[in-house]
Amino acid sequence: MTETTTKPTVRPERHEPNYSLGEKIRFLVENGDSLRYTVTWDGKSTIDAGVVRDGVVHVAVDEPGYVRIVLRETDAPGEPLAEAAVAVAPELLTPTLPMPDDFIDFWTGQLTRLPETADPQIFLHEEHETDLVYGVSADTGDPDLGTVYAWLHVPREQPVPVPGAIRYHGAGVYGVPTQYTREWAQSGRICLSVNPHPIPNTWPQERYDELLKGKLANYTRHGRESRETSIFLPMFLRAAFVPRIMAALPEPIARWDRSHLVVEGHSQGGGQTFAAAALVPEVSGAAFSCPTHCDHAAPLHGRPAGWPQIVDWREDGPVPEHLEAARYFDGVNFATWTAMQGRSIPSLFGICYLDPACPPTGIHTAANVIGGEVTKHLDFVTAHIYTERFRDATFRWLDKYFPVNVSAS
């Protein structure tokens, strides 16, 4: 395709692309006749393929899921010229495999590794007109879990106790920037912004680069042969320890109301959020933006697994030990356990229809099983991005379920 050629586009016929089982789906193509199209289950197994004729591609499916179309010049893999997706009865999606019988026992036993209370070390890091930022660290007492490092964001004025929040962060090896979370304190809430690894947020960039190339290179694969050795075991246990840090914060610095605690995260932060919501009874709400770790077994049903795709798949199926271990770090199973506890916490899910890293099929499955009042923010044309639209939706959701009552006495 030359630079002067008009770029092809494809879109569902409907503005809100949600369909019922068996309903005909029409994808409208512009400037794309004679291009090759492939229709798949969320980018995985093929439903239909062919050549675009008369600017329309028709398809109908009798199973729930997300249906994606891509346009290319040839059948060869590569970046598509255009793509679009629709949802088909996503409220009917169910987990590919059930939660392991000993899932609860395993995690209940692992929680005993954490101290009952935290002893956070705190220092003032930044002062702003509306808010303050403190550095916080707390040792878990377990050398395999290490120390939790976080920024504590608080309003400069705290006339009354306010809701608390914990933000977990995405993949990589880095120091969490303070600007990511200042607006939470500016909204009147107390928030801990947590590094996913047991490393300080104040190192020079060279030290993070060294870890990324060395000890933490390809860290998502570390220990994936067993639930006891997976790197996500200590990561998720640290996530469960953070609420104990919140509870130990001195009141002159942070006036938490001790009855409202929201956990939130984007991408890998969303995976940690699933764990915290299930493992910590004090959590009263959870918000997920394109969360990871959803339905690791999905390829058994021809759907893509959520990031980090820690299971290797061969022609004859998954590597058994990978899949067995991955089930203990599956957001769908944590969501199932959250519902089983009968807590009915409100939740917010950001689902991007074109997300190649955290496919919407698995995320919607988790939303279906988590229980409580579920709010879905659907983005029909976006890939794996934390958008301003979702940020705004998050604060509307917070104001609805966890308002800041500054006039309380």
Protein backbone atom coordinates (compact mmCIF):
# COMPACT_ATOMS: atom_id res chain seq x y z
CA MET A 1 0.00 0.00 0.00
CA THR A 2 1.53 3.34 -1.05
CA GLU A 3 1.63 6.45 1.11
CA THR A 4 -0.90 8.14 -1.19
CA THR A 5 -3.44 5.35 -0.79
CA THR A 6 -6.37 6.21 1.45
CA LYS A 7 -6.07 4.26 4.66
CA PRO A 8 -8.68 1.50 5.06
CA THR A 9 -10.97 1.47 8.07
CA VAL A 10 -13.28 -1.09 9.59
CA ARG A 11 -15.97 -0.63 12.21
CA PRO A 12 -19.02 -2.45 13.54
CA GLU A 13 -22.33 -1.33 12.18
CA ARG A 14 -23.45 -0.43 15.71
CA HIS A 15 -22.06 2.44 17.73
CA GLU A 16 -22.23 0.23 20.83
CA PRO A 17 -20.97 -3.07 19.40
CA ASN A 18 -22.72 -5.59 21.60
CA TYR A 19 -24.63 -8.52 20.12
CA SER A 20 -26.71 -11.51 21.15
CA LEU A 21 -25.88 -15.13 20.42
CA GLY A 22 -26.49 -15.97 16.77
CA GLU A 23 -27.16 -12.37 15.81
CA LYS A 24 -25.66 -11.26 12.50
CA ILE A 25 -22.66 -8.96 12.94
CA ARG A 26 -21.87 -6.51 10.15
CA PHE A 27 -18.41 -4.99 9.92
CA LEU A 28 -18.34 -1.98 7.58
CA VAL A 29 -15.14 -1.50 5.61
CA GLU A 30 -14.08 1.66 3.81
CA ASN A 31 -11.29 1.77 1.24
CA GLY A 32 -10.68 -1.90 1.86
CA ASP A 33 -12.23 -3.93 -0.94
CA SER A 34 -9.92 -6.78 -2.00
CA LEU A 35 -8.05 -6.72 1.30
CA ARG A 36 -7.79 -9.93 3.29
CA TYR A 37 -9.87 -10.11 6.46
CA THR A 38 -9.59 -12.48 9.40
CA VAL A 39 -12.25 -12.77 12.09
CA THR A 40 -11.11 -14.37 15.33
CA TRP A 41 -12.09 -15.04 18.90
CA ASP A 42 -10.39 -12.06 20.52
CA GLY A 43 -7.32 -12.40 18.30
CA LYS A 44 -6.88 -16.15 18.88
CA SER A 45 -8.66 -18.92 16.98
CA THR A 46 -10.10 -18.11 13.55
CA ILE A 47 -13.85 -17.87 12.99
CA ASP A 48 -13.79 -16.76 9.35
CA ALA A 49 -11.39 -15.40 6.75
CA GLY A 50 -11.65 -14.15 3.23
CA VAL A 51 -11.54 -11.16 0.93
CA VAL A 52 -13.53 -7.98 1.57
CA ARG A 53 -16.31 -7.49 -0.99
CA ASP A 54 -18.65 -4.51 -1.30
CA GLY A 55 -17.39 -2.97 1.93
CA VAL A 56 -19.07 -5.44 4.30
CA VAL A 57 -18.04 -8.52 6.27
CA HIS A 58 -20.79 -10.63 7.85
CA VAL A 59 -20.36 -13.09 10.68
CA ALA A 60 -22.52 -14.72 13.34
CA VAL A 61 -21.46 -16.84 16.32
CA ASP A 62 -23.35 -19.04 18.75
CA GLU A 63 -20.92 -18.71 21.67
CA PRO A 64 -20.26 -15.78 24.00
CA GLY A 65 -17.04 -13.87 23.60
CA TYR A 66 -15.29 -11.03 21.84
CA VAL A 67 -15.05 -11.18 18.07
CA ARG A 68 -12.24 -9.27 16.38
CA ILE A 69 -11.65 -8.49 12.71
CA VAL A 70 -8.33 -7.43 11.19
CA LEU A 71 -7.59 -6.27 7.65
CA ARG A 72 -4.29 -7.01 5.91
CA GLU A 73 -2.98 -6.93 2.36
CA THR A 74 -2.02 -10.59 2.57
CA ASP A 75 -2.58 -13.57 4.84
CA ALA A 76 0.91 -13.15 6.27
CA PRO A 77 1.05 -12.14 9.94
CA GLY A 78 2.01 -8.61 10.83
CA GLU A 79 0.53 -5.34 11.92
CA PRO A 80 -3.04 -5.03 10.62
CA LEU A 81 -4.08 -2.16 8.40
CA ALA A 82 -7.27 -1.80 10.43
CA GLU A 83 -9.14 -3.69 13.13
CA ALA A 84 -12.34 -3.63 15.16
CA ALA A 85 -14.09 -5.79 17.72
CA VAL A 86 -17.53 -6.54 19.10
CA ALA A 87 -18.85 -8.34 22.17
CA VAL A 88 -21.27 -11.25 21.84
CA ALA A 89 -23.29 -12.00 24.97
CA PRO A 90 -20.26 -11.37 27.23
CA GLU A 91 -22.44 -11.66 30.33
CA LEU A 92 -22.55 -15.42 29.60
CA LEU A 93 -18.77 -15.91 29.72
CA THR A 94 -17.60 -18.39 32.35
CA PRO A 95 -14.13 -19.49 33.53
CA THR A 96 -12.34 -21.99 31.32
CA LEU A 97 -11.37 -24.09 34.35
CA PRO A 98 -12.84 -24.07 37.86
CA MET A 99 -10.92 -22.67 40.80
CA PRO A 100 -8.55 -25.36 42.17
CA ASP A 101 -10.03 -27.27 45.09
CA ASP A 102 -7.23 -26.18 47.40
CA PHE A 103 -6.97 -22.59 46.12
CA ILE A 104 -8.37 -21.08 49.32
CA ASP A 105 -6.33 -23.35 51.58
CA PHE A 106 -3.15 -22.53 49.68
CA TRP A 107 -3.59 -18.78 49.95
CA THR A 108 -4.87 -18.91 53.53
CA GLY A 109 -1.69 -20.74 54.46
CA GLN A 110 0.51 -18.29 52.57
CA LEU A 111 -1.05 -15.33 54.38
CA THR A 112 0.39 -16.64 57.67
CA ARG A 113 3.81 -15.56 56.36
CA LEU A 114 2.81 -11.93 56.82
CA PRO A 115 3.16 -10.16 60.17
CA GLU A 116 -0.13 -9.18 61.77
CA THR A 117 0.91 -5.53 61.88
CA ALA A 118 3.29 -3.38 59.87
CA ASP A 119 5.96 -1.01 61.12
CA PRO A 120 6.23 1.55 58.33
CA GLN A 121 9.17 3.91 58.03
CA ILE A 122 8.03 7.28 56.75
CA PHE A 123 9.77 10.40 55.43
CA LEU A 124 8.40 13.58 53.84
CA HIS A 125 9.31 13.61 50.16
CA GLU A 126 7.34 16.42 48.51
CA GLU A 127 5.21 19.34 49.65
CA HIS A 128 2.58 20.85 47.38
CA GLU A 129 -0.07 23.48 47.90
CA THR A 130 -2.88 20.92 48.00
CA ASP A 131 -1.18 17.68 49.01
CA LEU A 132 1.85 16.03 50.57
CA VAL A 133 3.86 13.02 49.42
CA TYR A 134 5.65 10.77 51.90
CA GLY A 135 7.99 7.91 51.20
CA VAL A 136 6.98 4.71 52.99
CA SER A 137 8.70 1.38 53.44
CA ALA A 138 7.73 -1.63 55.54
CA ASP A 139 9.59 -4.92 55.90
CA THR A 140 7.46 -8.05 55.66
CA GLY A 141 9.89 -9.94 57.87
CA ASP A 142 10.16 -12.66 55.24
CA PRO A 143 13.36 -12.54 53.15
CA ASP A 144 11.55 -14.10 50.19
CA LEU A 145 8.92 -11.36 50.24
CA GLY A 146 11.19 -8.44 51.06
CA THR A 147 10.21 -4.87 51.79
CA VAL A 148 7.25 -2.96 50.44
CA TYR A 149 8.05 0.51 49.06
CA ALA A 150 5.33 3.03 48.36
CA TRP A 151 4.45 6.68 48.13
CA LEU A 152 1.85 7.93 50.57
CA HIS A 153 -0.31 10.70 49.11
CA VAL A 154 -2.39 12.72 51.55
CA PRO A 155 -4.38 15.96 51.39
CA ARG A 156 -2.53 18.84 53.02
CA GLU A 157 -5.64 19.52 55.11
CA GLN A 158 -7.36 16.55 56.75
CA PRO A 159 -10.12 17.94 59.00
CA VAL A 160 -11.85 14.55 59.22
CA PRO A 161 -10.95 10.91 58.57
CA VAL A 162 -11.34 10.02 54.89
CA PRO A 163 -11.49 6.89 52.68
CA GLY A 164 -8.22 5.13 51.93
CA ALA A 165 -6.98 3.74 48.64
CA ILE A 166 -4.13 1.58 47.41
CA ARG A 167 -2.82 1.80 43.86
CA TYR A 168 -0.84 -1.10 42.43
CA HIS A 169 1.25 -0.58 39.33
CA GLY A 170 2.08 -2.17 36.02
CA ALA A 171 4.82 -4.29 34.52
CA GLY A 172 8.46 -3.33 34.38
CA VAL A 173 11.24 -2.46 36.78
CA TYR A 174 11.18 1.18 37.82
CA GLY A 175 10.58 3.69 40.55
CA VAL A 176 6.92 4.67 40.70
CA PRO A 177 6.61 8.38 39.82
CA THR A 178 4.85 10.49 42.43
CA GLN A 179 2.79 12.39 39.84
CA TYR A 180 0.83 9.24 39.03
CA THR A 181 -1.26 9.50 42.17
CA ARG A 182 -1.28 13.10 43.41
CA GLU A 183 -4.81 13.63 42.11
CA TRP A 184 -6.09 10.98 44.51
CA ALA A 185 -4.95 13.10 47.44
CA GLN A 186 -6.23 16.21 45.70
CA SER A 187 -9.65 14.54 45.64
CA GLY A 188 -9.49 14.32 49.45
CA ARG A 189 -8.45 10.67 49.79
CA ILE A 190 -5.42 8.98 51.33
CA CYS A 191 -3.58 6.75 48.89
CA LEU A 192 -0.59 4.41 48.97
CA SER A 193 1.04 4.04 45.54
CA VAL A 194 2.98 0.77 45.62
CA ASN A 195 5.99 -0.52 43.71
CA PRO A 196 5.28 -4.03 42.37
CA HIS A 197 8.78 -5.16 43.33
CA PRO A 198 10.58 -4.98 46.69
CA ILE A 199 12.74 -2.09 45.51
CA PRO A 200 12.85 1.61 46.48
CA ASN A 201 11.19 4.23 44.32
CA THR A 202 14.13 6.62 44.74
CA TRP A 203 16.96 4.81 42.97
CA PRO A 204 18.76 6.33 39.98
CA GLN A 205 17.54 4.94 36.68
CA GLU A 206 20.75 2.95 36.14
CA ARG A 207 19.94 0.63 39.04
CA TYR A 208 16.51 -0.22 37.62
CA ASP A 209 18.10 -0.82 34.23
CA GLU A 210 20.62 -3.20 35.80
CA LEU A 211 17.84 -5.21 37.46
CA LEU A 212 15.79 -5.30 34.26
CA LYS A 213 18.75 -6.70 32.36
CA GLY A 214 19.89 -8.96 35.18
CA LYS A 215 18.07 -10.38 38.21
CA LEU A 216 14.60 -9.34 37.00
CA ALA A 217 15.06 -9.96 33.28
CA ASN A 218 11.92 -11.69 31.94
CA TYR A 219 10.74 -11.80 35.54
CA THR A 220 7.21 -12.89 34.67
CA ARG A 221 8.59 -16.32 33.75
CA HIS A 222 10.51 -16.73 36.99
CA GLY A 223 9.48 -19.84 38.91
CA ARG A 224 6.44 -20.52 36.75
CA GLU A 225 6.87 -24.28 37.14
CA SER A 226 5.36 -24.21 40.62
CA ARG A 227 2.96 -22.15 42.69
CA GLU A 228 5.60 -22.07 45.45
CA THR A 229 8.30 -20.61 43.21
CA SER A 230 6.35 -18.22 40.94
CA ILE A 231 7.47 -14.60 41.26
CA PHE A 232 3.81 -13.67 41.55
CA LEU A 233 3.55 -15.41 44.92
CA PRO A 234 5.67 -12.81 46.73
CA MET A 235 4.25 -10.01 44.59
CA PHE A 236 0.67 -10.88 45.51
CA LEU A 237 1.54 -11.43 49.19
CA ARG A 238 3.15 -7.98 49.30
CA ALA A 239 -0.07 -6.63 47.76
CA ALA A 240 -1.98 -8.24 50.65
CA PHE A 241 0.44 -6.71 53.18
CA VAL A 242 -0.12 -3.11 52.04
CA PRO A 243 -3.48 -2.69 53.84
CA ARG A 244 -1.64 -3.49 57.08
CA ILE A 245 0.72 -0.63 56.27
CA MET A 246 -2.30 1.62 55.75
CA ALA A 247 -3.65 0.57 59.15
CA ALA A 248 -0.32 1.39 60.83
CA LEU A 249 0.05 4.93 59.45
CA PRO A 250 0.19 7.52 62.25
CA GLU A 251 -2.92 9.69 62.34
CA PRO A 252 -1.16 13.05 62.34
CA ILE A 253 0.07 12.12 58.85
CA ALA A 254 -2.86 10.13 57.45
CA ARG A 255 -6.40 10.26 58.85
CA TRP A 256 -7.89 7.12 57.35
CA ASP A 257 -11.53 6.44 58.29
CA ARG A 258 -10.70 2.70 58.69
CA SER A 259 -13.97 1.63 57.12
CA HIS A 260 -13.44 2.39 53.40
CA LEU A 261 -10.49 0.88 51.55
CA VAL A 262 -10.34 0.80 47.75
CA VAL A 263 -7.74 -1.14 45.77
CA GLU A 264 -7.00 -0.14 42.19
CA GLY A 265 -4.61 -0.96 39.41
CA HIS A 266 -3.92 -0.86 35.69
CA SER A 267 -2.50 -3.85 33.82
CA GLN A 268 -0.20 -5.81 36.19
CA GLY A 269 -1.52 -3.48 38.88
CA GLY A 270 -4.95 -4.91 38.12
CA GLY A 271 -3.61 -8.42 38.65
CA GLN A 272 -2.37 -7.39 42.09
CA THR A 273 -5.74 -5.77 42.73
CA PHE A 274 -7.53 -9.08 42.17
CA ALA A 275 -5.28 -10.67 44.78
CA ALA A 276 -5.71 -7.88 47.32
CA ALA A 277 -9.49 -7.84 46.94
CA ALA A 278 -9.68 -11.56 47.68
CA LEU A 279 -6.96 -11.84 50.31
CA VAL A 280 -7.86 -8.81 52.43
CA PRO A 281 -11.35 -8.78 54.03
CA GLU A 282 -10.99 -5.07 54.84
CA VAL A 283 -11.03 -4.16 51.14
CA SER A 284 -14.40 -2.55 50.40
CA GLY A 285 -14.06 -1.77 46.69
CA ALA A 286 -11.87 -2.60 43.69
CA ALA A 287 -11.17 -0.89 40.36
CA PHE A 288 -9.45 -2.67 37.47
CA SER A 289 -8.11 -1.06 34.29
CA CYS A 290 -7.17 -3.64 31.64
CA PRO A 291 -6.13 -6.09 34.38
CA THR A 292 -3.67 -8.89 33.80
CA HIS A 293 -3.81 -12.52 34.95
CA CYS A 294 -7.29 -13.28 33.62
CA ASP A 295 -8.05 -16.86 32.57
CA HIS A 296 -4.62 -18.38 31.98
CA ALA A 297 -6.33 -21.53 30.66
CA ALA A 298 -8.33 -19.69 27.97
CA PRO A 299 -6.44 -21.25 25.01
CA LEU A 300 -8.06 -24.56 25.95
CA HIS A 301 -11.23 -22.97 24.60
CA GLY A 302 -9.63 -21.19 21.66
CA ARG A 303 -9.41 -17.82 23.44
CA PRO A 304 -6.24 -15.88 24.32
CA ALA A 305 -4.88 -15.97 27.86
CA GLY A 306 -4.31 -12.75 29.72
CA TRP A 307 -0.85 -11.27 30.19
CA PRO A 308 1.73 -12.39 31.15
CA GLN A 309 0.95 -15.59 29.20
CA ILE A 310 2.99 -17.58 31.72
CA VAL A 311 1.85 -20.90 30.27
CA ASP A 312 3.77 -22.28 27.30
CA TRP A 313 1.53 -24.03 24.77
CA ARG A 314 2.70 -26.85 22.53
CA GLU A 315 0.95 -28.63 19.70
CA ASP A 316 -0.45 -31.16 22.15
CA GLY A 317 -1.53 -28.59 24.72
CA PRO A 318 -0.13 -26.61 27.64
CA VAL A 319 2.99 -27.42 29.63
CA PRO A 320 1.20 -29.12 32.54
CA GLU A 321 3.24 -27.64 35.38
CA HIS A 322 2.91 -24.13 33.93
CA LEU A 323 -0.86 -24.36 33.75
CA GLU A 324 -1.22 -25.96 37.17
CA ALA A 325 0.85 -23.24 38.81
CA ALA A 326 -0.81 -20.41 36.84
CA ARG A 327 -4.25 -21.29 38.18
CA TYR A 328 -3.18 -20.04 41.61
CA PHE A 329 -2.38 -16.62 40.17
CA ASP A 330 -5.51 -16.20 38.04
CA GLY A 331 -7.61 -13.09 38.51
CA VAL A 332 -10.73 -15.05 37.61
CA ASN A 333 -10.11 -17.40 40.54
CA PHE A 334 -9.41 -14.52 42.92
CA ALA A 335 -12.63 -12.88 41.73
CA THR A 336 -14.49 -16.15 42.33
CA TRP A 337 -13.11 -16.33 45.87
CA THR A 338 -14.07 -12.71 46.52
CA ALA A 339 -17.68 -13.56 45.64
CA MET A 340 -17.59 -16.73 47.73
CA GLN A 341 -16.79 -14.64 50.80
CA GLY A 342 -20.15 -12.90 50.44
CA ARG A 343 -18.68 -9.42 50.81
CA SER A 344 -20.44 -8.00 47.71
CA ILE A 345 -17.91 -5.22 47.22
CA PRO A 346 -18.55 -2.75 44.39
CA SER A 347 -16.11 -3.00 41.51
CA LEU A 348 -15.19 -1.08 38.38
CA PHE A 349 -13.79 -2.77 35.28
CA GLY A 350 -12.12 -0.94 32.41
CA ILE A 351 -12.40 -3.20 29.35
CA CYS A 352 -10.73 -2.26 26.07
CA TYR A 353 -12.14 -4.18 23.12
CA LEU A 354 -8.86 -4.08 21.14
CA ASP A 355 -6.52 -4.94 24.00
CA PRO A 356 -3.92 -7.46 22.74
CA ALA A 357 -2.15 -7.82 26.09
CA CYS A 358 -5.10 -8.25 28.43
CA PRO A 359 -7.88 -9.58 26.19
CA PRO A 360 -11.39 -8.45 27.09
CA THR A 361 -12.74 -12.02 27.15
CA GLY A 362 -10.88 -12.95 30.33
CA ILE A 363 -11.52 -9.59 31.98
CA HIS A 364 -15.25 -9.82 31.35
CA THR A 365 -15.21 -13.35 32.73
CA ALA A 366 -13.71 -12.04 35.97
CA ALA A 367 -16.34 -9.29 36.09
CA ASN A 368 -19.05 -11.92 35.72
CA VAL A 369 -17.93 -13.90 38.77
CA ILE A 370 -16.72 -11.27 41.25
CA GLY A 371 -20.15 -10.57 42.74
CA GLY A 372 -21.38 -7.29 44.17
CA GLU A 373 -22.34 -4.30 42.06
CA VAL A 374 -20.15 -4.28 38.95
CA THR A 375 -19.65 -1.17 36.84
CA LYS A 376 -18.11 -1.63 33.41
CA HIS A 377 -16.35 1.11 31.49
CA LEU A 378 -16.22 -0.12 27.90
CA ASP A 379 -13.79 1.32 25.39
CA PHE A 380 -14.63 0.06 21.92
CA VAL A 381 -11.63 1.36 19.94
CA THR A 382 -8.70 1.32 22.38
CA ALA A 383 -5.91 -1.16 23.01
CA HIS A 384 -3.92 -1.60 26.25
CA ILE A 385 -3.98 1.95 27.59
CA TYR A 386 -4.92 3.70 30.84
CA THR A 387 -7.07 6.40 29.30
CA GLU A 388 -8.25 9.74 30.63
CA ARG A 389 -11.77 8.46 30.08
CA PHE A 390 -11.18 5.60 32.48
CA ARG A 391 -9.50 7.90 34.98
CA ASP A 392 -12.57 10.15 34.92
CA ALA A 393 -14.84 7.11 35.24
CA THR A 394 -12.80 5.97 38.25
CA PHE A 395 -13.32 9.23 40.11
CA ARG A 396 -17.04 9.23 39.33
CA TRP A 397 -17.19 5.68 40.70
CA LEU A 398 -15.22 6.70 43.79
CA ASP A 399 -17.52 9.65 44.40
CA LYS A 400 -20.54 7.37 44.15
CA TYR A 401 -19.38 4.56 46.43
CA PHE A 402 -16.65 6.15 48.54
CA PRO A 403 -17.38 9.88 48.81
CA VAL A 404 -15.22 12.21 50.85
CA ASN A 405 -17.41 13.82 53.51
CA VAL A 406 -15.32 16.80 54.56
CA SER A 407 -18.26 18.36 56.40
CA ALA A 408 -18.54 15.45 58.87
CA SER A 409 -17.89 16.27 62.46
